[in-house]
Amino acid sequence: MQMSNTREVSFDDELLILVDGADNVTGYDNKANAHRGGGMLHRAFSVFLFNKNGQVLLHKRSEQKPLWPGFWTNSCCSHPRKGESYESAAQRRLDDELGVCAHLSFLYRFQYTAEFGHKGSENELCAVYVGRFEGEQNLAPNPNEIADWCWVTCTDLDQWLRDHPEQFTPWFKLEWQRLCTDQRPKIIELCHAEFH
């Protein structure tokens, strides 16, 4: 696996967008503060990329990540910065982390919290997007963000989750469960990819 994209793209002092449960902006704070202790509710997003074979792209978080290092998760996930929309942030991060672009479709938004021991917490209002990955693009994962990656069928992923749920981030498990139930028809329509 070739990893040529080595830019620093995550910064503790980048300003995240703090919100209430209805997604109204309540202020801004840096990423380090937003994740300290129980965390401050802020905007986030998750992207799931599918290929023409109906496989989904997963990545293993770099050991440099302060929260959930070395855990497997969805194709791409991060936060909009101050002045940035969910959509523009998702596109920026696809390039930052994977070196690709993709047409994305919004699925749903949900709120969750998760603590990573004494290291900090996620307290996020997360927008979930799905996209179709076109095969002519080559992945260029950023090793500062991504330790490993793989394409996996939905059936194999379901088995992996049953056998080793401890290997996955908490937000991924919540999102995948919903993608496989009430969001399944929309994914098939948008990505032209059947779950198998």
N, C-alpha and C. Protein backbone atom coordinates (compact mmCIF):
# COMPACT_ATOMS: atom_id res chain seq x y z
N MET A 1 0.85 -1.18 0.00
CA MET A 1 0.00 0.00 0.00
C MET A 1 0.89 1.23 0.00
N GLN A 2 0.70 2.13 -0.96
CA GLN A 2 1.51 3.33 -1.05
C GLN A 2 0.82 4.47 -0.32
N MET A 3 1.55 5.14 0.55
CA MET A 3 1.01 6.28 1.28
C MET A 3 1.89 7.49 1.00
N SER A 4 1.43 8.37 0.10
CA SER A 4 2.27 9.48 -0.33
C SER A 4 1.77 10.83 0.19
N ASN A 5 0.62 10.86 0.78
CA ASN A 5 0.01 12.10 1.24
C ASN A 5 0.36 12.29 2.73
N THR A 6 1.40 13.07 3.02
CA THR A 6 1.89 13.14 4.40
C THR A 6 1.70 14.52 5.03
N ARG A 7 0.82 15.34 4.47
CA ARG A 7 0.58 16.67 5.04
C ARG A 7 -0.02 16.58 6.44
N GLU A 8 0.33 17.54 7.29
CA GLU A 8 -0.36 17.69 8.56
C GLU A 8 -1.70 18.36 8.28
N VAL A 9 -2.78 17.73 8.68
CA VAL A 9 -4.10 18.25 8.34
C VAL A 9 -5.01 18.41 9.56
N SER A 10 -4.55 17.96 10.72
CA SER A 10 -5.33 18.08 11.95
C SER A 10 -4.54 18.92 12.96
N PHE A 11 -5.23 19.86 13.59
CA PHE A 11 -4.56 20.78 14.51
C PHE A 11 -5.41 20.98 15.76
N ASP A 12 -4.77 20.93 16.91
CA ASP A 12 -5.49 21.12 18.17
C ASP A 12 -6.15 22.48 18.27
N ASP A 13 -5.59 23.48 17.57
CA ASP A 13 -6.12 24.85 17.71
C ASP A 13 -7.13 25.22 16.62
N GLU A 14 -7.50 24.28 15.74
CA GLU A 14 -8.51 24.62 14.74
C GLU A 14 -9.85 24.82 15.43
N LEU A 15 -10.58 25.85 15.01
CA LEU A 15 -11.84 26.20 15.66
C LEU A 15 -12.98 25.35 15.14
N LEU A 16 -13.63 24.62 16.04
CA LEU A 16 -14.80 23.82 15.70
C LEU A 16 -16.06 24.61 16.00
N ILE A 17 -17.18 24.14 15.44
CA ILE A 17 -18.46 24.84 15.54
C ILE A 17 -19.29 24.20 16.65
N LEU A 18 -19.49 24.92 17.73
CA LEU A 18 -20.31 24.43 18.84
C LEU A 18 -21.77 24.69 18.52
N VAL A 19 -22.64 23.72 18.86
CA VAL A 19 -24.05 23.82 18.52
C VAL A 19 -24.90 23.32 19.68
N ASP A 20 -26.21 23.58 19.57
CA ASP A 20 -27.16 22.93 20.47
C ASP A 20 -27.73 21.71 19.75
N GLY A 21 -28.66 21.02 20.39
CA GLY A 21 -29.20 19.80 19.81
C GLY A 21 -29.98 19.99 18.53
N ALA A 22 -30.39 21.24 18.25
CA ALA A 22 -31.11 21.55 17.00
C ALA A 22 -30.17 22.10 15.93
N ASP A 23 -28.87 22.00 16.15
CA ASP A 23 -27.83 22.43 15.21
C ASP A 23 -27.75 23.94 15.07
N ASN A 24 -28.21 24.68 16.08
CA ASN A 24 -28.01 26.13 16.10
C ASN A 24 -26.62 26.42 16.65
N VAL A 25 -25.88 27.30 15.98
CA VAL A 25 -24.52 27.62 16.42
C VAL A 25 -24.57 28.37 17.75
N THR A 26 -23.78 27.89 18.71
CA THR A 26 -23.73 28.53 20.03
C THR A 26 -22.37 29.16 20.30
N GLY A 27 -21.39 28.90 19.44
CA GLY A 27 -20.07 29.48 19.62
C GLY A 27 -19.02 28.64 18.91
N TYR A 28 -17.76 28.89 19.29
CA TYR A 28 -16.63 28.20 18.66
C TYR A 28 -15.59 27.93 19.75
N ASP A 29 -14.88 26.84 19.60
CA ASP A 29 -13.75 26.57 20.49
C ASP A 29 -12.78 25.67 19.74
N ASN A 30 -11.55 25.62 20.25
CA ASN A 30 -10.56 24.80 19.54
C ASN A 30 -10.84 23.32 19.75
N LYS A 31 -10.26 22.51 18.87
CA LYS A 31 -10.56 21.08 18.87
C LYS A 31 -10.15 20.42 20.18
N ALA A 32 -9.02 20.82 20.73
CA ALA A 32 -8.57 20.22 21.99
C ALA A 32 -9.59 20.46 23.11
N ASN A 33 -10.07 21.69 23.24
CA ASN A 33 -11.05 22.00 24.28
C ASN A 33 -12.38 21.28 24.04
N ALA A 34 -12.79 21.21 22.77
CA ALA A 34 -14.08 20.61 22.44
C ALA A 34 -14.14 19.13 22.80
N HIS A 35 -12.97 18.48 22.90
CA HIS A 35 -12.93 17.05 23.21
C HIS A 35 -12.45 16.75 24.63
N ARG A 36 -12.18 17.79 25.41
CA ARG A 36 -11.67 17.59 26.77
C ARG A 36 -12.81 17.18 27.70
N GLY A 37 -12.50 16.32 28.66
CA GLY A 37 -13.50 15.89 29.64
C GLY A 37 -14.69 15.23 28.97
N GLY A 38 -15.88 15.73 29.28
CA GLY A 38 -17.09 15.20 28.66
C GLY A 38 -17.37 15.77 27.29
N GLY A 39 -16.55 16.72 26.85
CA GLY A 39 -16.69 17.29 25.52
C GLY A 39 -17.78 18.34 25.44
N MET A 40 -17.66 19.20 24.42
CA MET A 40 -18.69 20.21 24.12
C MET A 40 -19.36 19.81 22.81
N LEU A 41 -20.67 19.90 22.76
CA LEU A 41 -21.39 19.48 21.57
C LEU A 41 -20.95 20.32 20.37
N HIS A 42 -20.49 19.63 19.32
CA HIS A 42 -19.99 20.32 18.13
C HIS A 42 -20.37 19.54 16.87
N ARG A 43 -20.29 20.22 15.73
CA ARG A 43 -20.61 19.59 14.45
C ARG A 43 -19.51 18.62 14.04
N ALA A 44 -19.94 17.54 13.43
CA ALA A 44 -19.02 16.54 12.88
C ALA A 44 -19.68 15.91 11.67
N PHE A 45 -18.92 15.10 10.95
CA PHE A 45 -19.50 14.38 9.81
C PHE A 45 -18.81 13.04 9.66
N SER A 46 -19.50 12.10 9.04
CA SER A 46 -18.96 10.79 8.68
C SER A 46 -19.30 10.51 7.23
N VAL A 47 -18.33 9.97 6.50
CA VAL A 47 -18.52 9.63 5.08
C VAL A 47 -18.32 8.13 4.90
N PHE A 48 -19.22 7.51 4.15
CA PHE A 48 -19.10 6.11 3.76
C PHE A 48 -18.99 6.06 2.24
N LEU A 49 -17.87 5.55 1.74
CA LEU A 49 -17.68 5.40 0.30
C LEU A 49 -17.89 3.94 -0.09
N PHE A 50 -18.69 3.72 -1.12
CA PHE A 50 -18.94 2.39 -1.66
C PHE A 50 -18.37 2.31 -3.08
N ASN A 51 -17.91 1.14 -3.47
CA ASN A 51 -17.46 0.95 -4.85
C ASN A 51 -18.52 0.20 -5.65
N LYS A 52 -18.23 -0.03 -6.93
CA LYS A 52 -19.22 -0.65 -7.82
C LYS A 52 -19.54 -2.08 -7.42
N ASN A 53 -18.69 -2.70 -6.60
CA ASN A 53 -18.92 -4.07 -6.15
C ASN A 53 -19.72 -4.13 -4.85
N GLY A 54 -20.16 -2.97 -4.37
CA GLY A 54 -20.94 -2.94 -3.14
C GLY A 54 -20.10 -3.04 -1.88
N GLN A 55 -18.80 -2.88 -2.02
CA GLN A 55 -17.91 -2.89 -0.85
C GLN A 55 -17.82 -1.48 -0.28
N VAL A 56 -17.59 -1.42 1.03
CA VAL A 56 -17.44 -0.14 1.71
C VAL A 56 -15.98 0.02 2.12
N LEU A 57 -15.49 1.25 2.04
CA LEU A 57 -14.12 1.55 2.40
C LEU A 57 -14.03 1.86 3.89
N LEU A 58 -13.19 1.12 4.61
CA LEU A 58 -12.92 1.37 6.01
C LEU A 58 -11.47 1.82 6.17
N HIS A 59 -11.21 2.54 7.25
CA HIS A 59 -9.81 2.84 7.57
C HIS A 59 -9.54 2.64 9.05
N LYS A 60 -8.29 2.35 9.34
CA LYS A 60 -7.82 2.19 10.72
C LYS A 60 -7.16 3.49 11.13
N ARG A 61 -7.62 4.06 12.22
CA ARG A 61 -7.12 5.36 12.66
C ARG A 61 -5.65 5.28 13.08
N SER A 62 -4.90 6.30 12.72
CA SER A 62 -3.49 6.37 13.05
C SER A 62 -3.29 6.28 14.56
N GLU A 63 -2.15 5.73 14.96
CA GLU A 63 -1.80 5.68 16.38
C GLU A 63 -1.52 7.07 16.94
N GLN A 64 -1.37 8.07 16.06
CA GLN A 64 -1.14 9.44 16.50
C GLN A 64 -2.43 10.13 16.95
N LYS A 65 -3.59 9.54 16.63
CA LYS A 65 -4.85 10.17 16.99
C LYS A 65 -5.03 10.14 18.52
N PRO A 66 -5.45 11.25 19.12
CA PRO A 66 -5.59 11.27 20.59
C PRO A 66 -6.76 10.41 21.08
N LEU A 67 -7.82 10.29 20.29
CA LEU A 67 -8.98 9.49 20.68
C LEU A 67 -9.16 8.33 19.71
N TRP A 68 -9.36 7.15 20.25
CA TRP A 68 -9.56 5.92 19.48
C TRP A 68 -8.45 5.68 18.45
N PRO A 69 -7.17 5.78 18.84
CA PRO A 69 -6.10 5.43 17.91
C PRO A 69 -6.10 3.93 17.64
N GLY A 70 -5.83 3.55 16.40
CA GLY A 70 -5.75 2.13 16.05
C GLY A 70 -7.09 1.44 15.91
N PHE A 71 -8.20 2.18 15.98
CA PHE A 71 -9.53 1.60 15.81
C PHE A 71 -9.97 1.72 14.35
N TRP A 72 -10.74 0.75 13.90
CA TRP A 72 -11.31 0.79 12.55
C TRP A 72 -12.56 1.66 12.55
N THR A 73 -12.79 2.34 11.44
CA THR A 73 -13.95 3.23 11.34
C THR A 73 -14.34 3.41 9.87
N ASN A 74 -15.27 4.30 9.62
CA ASN A 74 -15.78 4.51 8.27
C ASN A 74 -14.74 5.19 7.38
N SER A 75 -15.10 5.43 6.12
CA SER A 75 -14.15 5.89 5.12
C SER A 75 -13.44 7.17 5.53
N CYS A 76 -14.19 8.10 6.11
CA CYS A 76 -13.63 9.41 6.44
C CYS A 76 -14.54 10.05 7.49
N CYS A 77 -13.94 10.73 8.48
CA CYS A 77 -14.74 11.43 9.48
C CYS A 77 -13.92 12.55 10.10
N SER A 78 -14.60 13.65 10.38
CA SER A 78 -13.91 14.79 10.98
C SER A 78 -14.94 15.85 11.38
N HIS A 79 -14.51 17.12 11.36
CA HIS A 79 -15.35 18.23 11.82
C HIS A 79 -15.30 19.40 10.85
N PRO A 80 -16.42 20.06 10.61
CA PRO A 80 -16.35 21.36 9.94
C PRO A 80 -15.64 22.36 10.85
N ARG A 81 -14.86 23.22 10.24
CA ARG A 81 -14.21 24.30 10.98
C ARG A 81 -15.08 25.55 10.92
N LYS A 82 -14.77 26.51 11.76
CA LYS A 82 -15.51 27.79 11.76
C LYS A 82 -15.57 28.34 10.34
N GLY A 83 -16.80 28.70 9.91
CA GLY A 83 -17.01 29.26 8.58
C GLY A 83 -17.16 28.23 7.48
N GLU A 84 -17.17 26.95 7.81
CA GLU A 84 -17.20 25.88 6.82
C GLU A 84 -18.52 25.11 6.94
N SER A 85 -19.12 24.75 5.81
CA SER A 85 -20.33 23.93 5.82
C SER A 85 -19.97 22.46 6.03
N TYR A 86 -20.96 21.66 6.38
CA TYR A 86 -20.74 20.22 6.48
C TYR A 86 -20.17 19.68 5.17
N GLU A 87 -20.80 20.08 4.05
CA GLU A 87 -20.45 19.52 2.75
C GLU A 87 -19.03 19.89 2.33
N SER A 88 -18.66 21.17 2.50
CA SER A 88 -17.31 21.58 2.10
C SER A 88 -16.26 20.93 3.00
N ALA A 89 -16.59 20.77 4.27
CA ALA A 89 -15.65 20.11 5.18
C ALA A 89 -15.45 18.65 4.80
N ALA A 90 -16.53 17.97 4.43
CA ALA A 90 -16.41 16.56 4.03
C ALA A 90 -15.54 16.42 2.79
N GLN A 91 -15.71 17.30 1.82
CA GLN A 91 -14.88 17.24 0.61
C GLN A 91 -13.41 17.54 0.93
N ARG A 92 -13.18 18.54 1.77
CA ARG A 92 -11.81 18.86 2.17
C ARG A 92 -11.15 17.66 2.83
N ARG A 93 -11.90 17.01 3.70
CA ARG A 93 -11.31 15.92 4.47
C ARG A 93 -11.09 14.67 3.61
N LEU A 94 -11.94 14.43 2.61
CA LEU A 94 -11.68 13.32 1.70
C LEU A 94 -10.32 13.50 1.02
N ASP A 95 -10.03 14.74 0.63
CA ASP A 95 -8.74 15.03 0.02
C ASP A 95 -7.61 14.94 1.05
N ASP A 96 -7.83 15.51 2.24
CA ASP A 96 -6.81 15.50 3.29
C ASP A 96 -6.41 14.08 3.69
N GLU A 97 -7.42 13.22 3.88
CA GLU A 97 -7.15 11.89 4.43
C GLU A 97 -6.86 10.84 3.37
N LEU A 98 -7.59 10.91 2.24
CA LEU A 98 -7.53 9.84 1.25
C LEU A 98 -7.01 10.27 -0.12
N GLY A 99 -6.92 11.59 -0.34
CA GLY A 99 -6.46 12.08 -1.63
C GLY A 99 -7.45 11.85 -2.76
N VAL A 100 -8.76 11.84 -2.43
CA VAL A 100 -9.78 11.60 -3.45
C VAL A 100 -10.90 12.63 -3.32
N CYS A 101 -11.74 12.68 -4.32
CA CYS A 101 -12.99 13.43 -4.23
C CYS A 101 -14.12 12.50 -4.66
N ALA A 102 -15.32 12.81 -4.21
CA ALA A 102 -16.48 11.98 -4.54
C ALA A 102 -17.74 12.81 -4.41
N HIS A 103 -18.73 12.51 -5.23
CA HIS A 103 -20.04 13.15 -5.05
C HIS A 103 -20.68 12.52 -3.82
N LEU A 104 -21.08 13.35 -2.87
CA LEU A 104 -21.65 12.86 -1.62
C LEU A 104 -23.12 13.23 -1.51
N SER A 105 -23.88 12.35 -0.90
CA SER A 105 -25.29 12.59 -0.63
C SER A 105 -25.54 12.49 0.87
N PHE A 106 -26.26 13.47 1.40
CA PHE A 106 -26.58 13.50 2.82
C PHE A 106 -27.63 12.44 3.13
N LEU A 107 -27.43 11.70 4.24
CA LEU A 107 -28.38 10.69 4.68
C LEU A 107 -29.18 11.15 5.89
N TYR A 108 -28.49 11.46 6.98
CA TYR A 108 -29.19 11.86 8.20
C TYR A 108 -28.18 12.50 9.15
N ARG A 109 -28.69 13.06 10.23
CA ARG A 109 -27.87 13.68 11.27
C ARG A 109 -28.29 13.07 12.61
N PHE A 110 -27.32 12.83 13.50
CA PHE A 110 -27.66 12.28 14.81
C PHE A 110 -26.67 12.79 15.85
N GLN A 111 -27.09 12.74 17.09
CA GLN A 111 -26.26 13.21 18.20
C GLN A 111 -25.83 12.01 19.04
N TYR A 112 -24.57 12.01 19.44
CA TYR A 112 -24.07 10.93 20.29
C TYR A 112 -22.93 11.46 21.16
N THR A 113 -22.65 10.74 22.22
CA THR A 113 -21.49 11.00 23.06
C THR A 113 -20.77 9.69 23.31
N ALA A 114 -19.45 9.75 23.45
CA ALA A 114 -18.65 8.57 23.74
C ALA A 114 -17.38 9.01 24.45
N GLU A 115 -17.05 8.34 25.53
CA GLU A 115 -15.85 8.67 26.30
C GLU A 115 -14.74 7.69 25.98
N PHE A 116 -13.53 8.21 25.84
CA PHE A 116 -12.35 7.37 25.63
C PHE A 116 -11.48 7.43 26.88
N GLY A 117 -11.92 6.72 27.91
CA GLY A 117 -11.23 6.72 29.18
C GLY A 117 -11.05 8.13 29.72
N HIS A 118 -9.84 8.43 30.21
CA HIS A 118 -9.56 9.76 30.75
C HIS A 118 -8.99 10.69 29.67
N LYS A 119 -8.88 10.20 28.43
CA LYS A 119 -8.24 10.98 27.35
C LYS A 119 -9.16 12.06 26.79
N GLY A 120 -10.47 11.87 26.89
CA GLY A 120 -11.41 12.84 26.34
C GLY A 120 -12.64 12.16 25.80
N SER A 121 -13.48 12.95 25.12
CA SER A 121 -14.77 12.45 24.66
C SER A 121 -15.13 13.01 23.29
N GLU A 122 -15.99 12.27 22.62
CA GLU A 122 -16.71 12.79 21.47
C GLU A 122 -18.10 13.20 21.95
N ASN A 123 -18.51 14.40 21.61
CA ASN A 123 -19.84 14.89 21.92
C ASN A 123 -20.28 15.64 20.67
N GLU A 124 -20.92 14.90 19.76
CA GLU A 124 -21.05 15.40 18.39
C GLU A 124 -22.48 15.35 17.87
N LEU A 125 -22.78 16.34 17.04
CA LEU A 125 -23.95 16.30 16.17
C LEU A 125 -23.38 15.97 14.80
N CYS A 126 -23.57 14.74 14.37
CA CYS A 126 -22.83 14.18 13.24
C CYS A 126 -23.74 14.02 12.01
N ALA A 127 -23.31 14.60 10.89
CA ALA A 127 -24.00 14.45 9.61
C ALA A 127 -23.37 13.27 8.86
N VAL A 128 -24.18 12.36 8.38
CA VAL A 128 -23.70 11.14 7.72
C VAL A 128 -23.94 11.26 6.22
N TYR A 129 -22.88 11.02 5.45
CA TYR A 129 -22.92 11.11 3.99
C TYR A 129 -22.50 9.78 3.38
N VAL A 130 -22.99 9.54 2.18
CA VAL A 130 -22.62 8.35 1.43
C VAL A 130 -22.21 8.79 0.03
N GLY A 131 -21.25 8.07 -0.55
CA GLY A 131 -20.79 8.40 -1.89
C GLY A 131 -20.32 7.16 -2.63
N ARG A 132 -20.26 7.30 -3.94
CA ARG A 132 -19.77 6.23 -4.81
C ARG A 132 -18.32 6.54 -5.20
N PHE A 133 -17.45 5.60 -4.96
CA PHE A 133 -16.04 5.76 -5.31
C PHE A 133 -15.81 5.20 -6.69
N GLU A 134 -15.30 6.03 -7.58
CA GLU A 134 -15.04 5.58 -8.94
C GLU A 134 -13.64 4.99 -9.03
N GLY A 135 -13.55 3.85 -9.66
CA GLY A 135 -12.32 3.05 -9.64
C GLY A 135 -11.10 3.69 -10.27
N GLU A 136 -11.31 4.73 -11.11
CA GLU A 136 -10.13 5.30 -11.76
C GLU A 136 -9.30 6.15 -10.80
N GLN A 137 -9.85 6.48 -9.65
CA GLN A 137 -9.09 7.24 -8.67
C GLN A 137 -8.24 6.30 -7.82
N ASN A 138 -7.02 6.71 -7.55
CA ASN A 138 -6.16 5.94 -6.67
C ASN A 138 -6.19 6.57 -5.28
N LEU A 139 -6.28 5.74 -4.27
CA LEU A 139 -6.24 6.23 -2.90
C LEU A 139 -4.82 6.66 -2.55
N ALA A 140 -4.71 7.77 -1.84
CA ALA A 140 -3.42 8.23 -1.32
C ALA A 140 -3.60 8.55 0.16
N PRO A 141 -3.76 7.52 1.00
CA PRO A 141 -4.03 7.75 2.43
C PRO A 141 -2.90 8.52 3.11
N ASN A 142 -3.30 9.40 4.01
CA ASN A 142 -2.36 10.21 4.77
C ASN A 142 -1.97 9.43 6.03
N PRO A 143 -0.71 9.02 6.18
CA PRO A 143 -0.33 8.20 7.33
C PRO A 143 -0.43 8.92 8.67
N ASN A 144 -0.50 10.24 8.65
CA ASN A 144 -0.74 10.97 9.89
C ASN A 144 -2.15 10.72 10.42
N GLU A 145 -3.05 10.32 9.53
CA GLU A 145 -4.45 10.10 9.88
C GLU A 145 -4.85 8.63 9.80
N ILE A 146 -4.26 7.90 8.89
CA ILE A 146 -4.72 6.55 8.55
C ILE A 146 -3.56 5.56 8.63
N ALA A 147 -3.73 4.52 9.46
CA ALA A 147 -2.71 3.49 9.60
C ALA A 147 -2.88 2.37 8.59
N ASP A 148 -4.12 2.11 8.19
CA ASP A 148 -4.41 1.02 7.25
C ASP A 148 -5.79 1.26 6.67
N TRP A 149 -6.13 0.56 5.61
CA TRP A 149 -7.45 0.70 4.99
C TRP A 149 -7.79 -0.58 4.25
N CYS A 150 -9.07 -0.78 3.99
CA CYS A 150 -9.50 -1.96 3.23
C CYS A 150 -10.90 -1.73 2.67
N TRP A 151 -11.17 -2.42 1.56
CA TRP A 151 -12.52 -2.53 1.02
C TRP A 151 -13.12 -3.82 1.55
N VAL A 152 -14.33 -3.78 2.04
CA VAL A 152 -14.94 -4.97 2.64
C VAL A 152 -16.40 -5.06 2.22
N THR A 153 -16.85 -6.28 1.97
CA THR A 153 -18.27 -6.46 1.66
C THR A 153 -19.09 -6.25 2.92
N CYS A 154 -20.33 -5.91 2.73
CA CYS A 154 -21.20 -5.66 3.88
C CYS A 154 -21.38 -6.91 4.73
N THR A 155 -21.47 -8.06 4.07
CA THR A 155 -21.61 -9.32 4.79
C THR A 155 -20.39 -9.60 5.65
N ASP A 156 -19.21 -9.40 5.07
CA ASP A 156 -17.98 -9.63 5.83
C ASP A 156 -17.83 -8.63 6.97
N LEU A 157 -18.25 -7.39 6.72
CA LEU A 157 -18.18 -6.38 7.77
C LEU A 157 -19.11 -6.72 8.92
N ASP A 158 -20.31 -7.18 8.59
CA ASP A 158 -21.25 -7.59 9.65
C ASP A 158 -20.64 -8.69 10.52
N GLN A 159 -19.97 -9.65 9.88
CA GLN A 159 -19.34 -10.74 10.63
C GLN A 159 -18.18 -10.22 11.48
N TRP A 160 -17.39 -9.32 10.91
CA TRP A 160 -16.26 -8.72 11.64
C TRP A 160 -16.77 -7.98 12.88
N LEU A 161 -17.85 -7.25 12.72
CA LEU A 161 -18.43 -6.51 13.85
C LEU A 161 -18.95 -7.46 14.92
N ARG A 162 -19.55 -8.57 14.50
CA ARG A 162 -20.04 -9.55 15.48
C ARG A 162 -18.88 -10.19 16.24
N ASP A 163 -17.80 -10.50 15.53
CA ASP A 163 -16.67 -11.20 16.14
C ASP A 163 -15.78 -10.28 16.97
N HIS A 164 -15.60 -9.03 16.51
CA HIS A 164 -14.65 -8.13 17.17
C HIS A 164 -15.18 -6.70 17.25
N PRO A 165 -16.28 -6.48 17.94
CA PRO A 165 -16.83 -5.12 18.03
C PRO A 165 -15.88 -4.13 18.70
N GLU A 166 -14.96 -4.65 19.52
CA GLU A 166 -14.02 -3.78 20.23
C GLU A 166 -12.99 -3.13 19.30
N GLN A 167 -12.92 -3.57 18.05
CA GLN A 167 -11.95 -3.01 17.11
C GLN A 167 -12.47 -1.76 16.39
N PHE A 168 -13.73 -1.38 16.64
CA PHE A 168 -14.36 -0.31 15.88
C PHE A 168 -14.71 0.89 16.77
N THR A 169 -14.71 2.07 16.16
CA THR A 169 -15.09 3.28 16.89
C THR A 169 -16.57 3.23 17.25
N PRO A 170 -16.95 3.89 18.33
CA PRO A 170 -18.35 3.85 18.76
C PRO A 170 -19.29 4.50 17.75
N TRP A 171 -18.88 5.60 17.12
CA TRP A 171 -19.77 6.25 16.15
C TRP A 171 -19.97 5.37 14.92
N PHE A 172 -18.94 4.65 14.51
CA PHE A 172 -19.09 3.77 13.35
C PHE A 172 -20.14 2.69 13.61
N LYS A 173 -20.10 2.09 14.79
CA LYS A 173 -21.05 1.02 15.10
C LYS A 173 -22.48 1.55 15.08
N LEU A 174 -22.70 2.75 15.61
CA LEU A 174 -24.04 3.35 15.58
C LEU A 174 -24.48 3.63 14.15
N GLU A 175 -23.57 4.17 13.35
CA GLU A 175 -23.91 4.56 11.98
C GLU A 175 -24.15 3.34 11.10
N TRP A 176 -23.30 2.34 11.23
CA TRP A 176 -23.45 1.16 10.37
C TRP A 176 -24.76 0.43 10.64
N GLN A 177 -25.16 0.37 11.90
CA GLN A 177 -26.44 -0.28 12.23
C GLN A 177 -27.59 0.42 11.51
N ARG A 178 -27.56 1.74 11.50
CA ARG A 178 -28.65 2.48 10.84
C ARG A 178 -28.55 2.40 9.32
N LEU A 179 -27.33 2.39 8.78
CA LEU A 179 -27.16 2.28 7.33
C LEU A 179 -27.72 0.95 6.83
N CYS A 180 -27.60 -0.08 7.64
CA CYS A 180 -28.04 -1.41 7.22
C CYS A 180 -29.54 -1.61 7.40
N THR A 181 -30.22 -0.67 8.05
CA THR A 181 -31.66 -0.82 8.27
C THR A 181 -32.43 0.23 7.48
N ASP A 182 -32.78 1.35 8.09
CA ASP A 182 -33.66 2.29 7.41
C ASP A 182 -32.98 3.09 6.30
N GLN A 183 -31.65 3.11 6.24
CA GLN A 183 -30.96 3.84 5.18
C GLN A 183 -30.54 2.95 4.01
N ARG A 184 -30.75 1.68 4.13
CA ARG A 184 -30.29 0.73 3.10
C ARG A 184 -30.84 1.02 1.71
N PRO A 185 -32.16 1.25 1.53
CA PRO A 185 -32.67 1.53 0.18
C PRO A 185 -32.05 2.79 -0.44
N LYS A 186 -31.81 3.80 0.39
CA LYS A 186 -31.24 5.04 -0.14
C LYS A 186 -29.80 4.82 -0.61
N ILE A 187 -29.05 4.01 0.12
CA ILE A 187 -27.67 3.73 -0.28
C ILE A 187 -27.64 2.97 -1.60
N ILE A 188 -28.52 1.99 -1.74
CA ILE A 188 -28.58 1.22 -2.98
C ILE A 188 -28.92 2.14 -4.15
N GLU A 189 -29.85 3.06 -3.92
CA GLU A 189 -30.25 4.01 -4.98
C GLU A 189 -29.11 4.97 -5.31
N LEU A 190 -28.50 5.56 -4.31
CA LEU A 190 -27.50 6.60 -4.53
C LEU A 190 -26.18 6.04 -5.08
N CYS A 191 -25.78 4.88 -4.58
CA CYS A 191 -24.46 4.33 -4.94
C CYS A 191 -24.54 3.24 -5.99
N HIS A 192 -25.76 2.85 -6.37
CA HIS A 192 -25.93 1.76 -7.33
C HIS A 192 -25.14 0.53 -6.88
N ALA A 193 -25.14 0.32 -5.57
CA ALA A 193 -24.37 -0.78 -5.00
C ALA A 193 -25.27 -1.58 -4.07
N GLU A 194 -25.44 -2.85 -4.37
CA GLU A 194 -26.24 -3.73 -3.53
C GLU A 194 -25.42 -4.22 -2.35
N PHE A 195 -26.06 -4.32 -1.19
CA PHE A 195 -25.40 -4.91 -0.02
C PHE A 195 -25.33 -6.41 -0.23
N HIS A 196 -24.15 -6.99 -0.05
CA HIS A 196 -24.01 -8.44 -0.13
C HIS A 196 -22.83 -8.90 0.69
